[in-house]
Amino acid sequence: MRFEDITKDVQLIEYLDSVNDRLKNRKYIYHYTTVEKCIKMFISRVWFLSNAKDMNDQLEFKNGDSSRWENIFFASFMSDVDESIGMWSMYSQPWRDGVQIAIPVDIAKKWINNITVIREISCDNYQPTGREITVDKKNRVFLSSVAYTNCDNDAGEEQRLTWSSAKNIQILNPSHHPMLTGYIKDSAWEYEKEIRIKAVINNKDRFKRVAIDIPDTVFDNMIITASPLFEGILKTRMEEEIKRDYNIEKSIFTGRIKIPSACDNCSLKKTNSNN
């Protein structure tokens, strides 16, 4: 079914969960973060999944069904372009510490399809608590797309739902449909073209934070890229704590942008540089 022809919630969910179609022309999915968090991921060997209340689009959290949100956790990726200045600016701050993690689509699919447990993570020290949920038909981990809507904008525009370049005007107020909780973001974030690793669980034990294990195949095939304004040498900074091989690339924007830092005009910095 074409995105434009979708009229029901269940059809939209099926469309967005059909990642083989969504990612068939993509080589990688991309996650933007900091070198510190990247190092912690290598050490812990788990990927943290957050709840929407901790994410940037608070409209998504407020509009979604609160009882459903208790059962949904996810990590966000971009899939449409190799690098995005918008994503560097939003999620890899400060620039001097930012990195992008690229995972081949085929490796990501195999990884997610072979997850067997979802681990509870302490909100105090971010360590596994020892409690876990077995992945089964009721507790799932899967890749899913996100659609975007302008239904909460107050600009007198035609209400629309979009995915990539496709537009749907048949599902009205989609961000307020309980079944679509976790599938709809505000159009302000449309440039992200987000793909999610999503865990949907029967959260009877009220887990607040969860994570999934990262196998060696993911570490061996991921590519880590330093931000265009990264300070120092990424490999050197990582090797201080990580004793294993990994793939590193240079940003396509390196040497092509200049974003002044507040520190550039700091009198203390200028004084120290002259000593």
Foldseek 3Di string as FASTA:
>chain_A
DDPQPDQDPVVLQVVFQPVCVVCVPFFKWKAKAFLVVVLVCLVQQWDWWAFPVPDDFVLLVVLEDVVQSLFKTKGKTFTDDPDDPVNCVPHQPPQQGMKMKIFTPVLVQVQQVPFFKKFFADPPPRHTPPDIDGDDPAKHWGKGWAKEWQLVPDPPDQTWIDQDPDIYNNYHPVSNDNSCRVRYGYCVCRVRRIMIGMIGHPPPVRRRIIITGHDVVRQARMEMERGLNHPDDSVVVSVVRDDDDGHYDYDPCNPPDDDDDPVVPDPVVVVVVVD
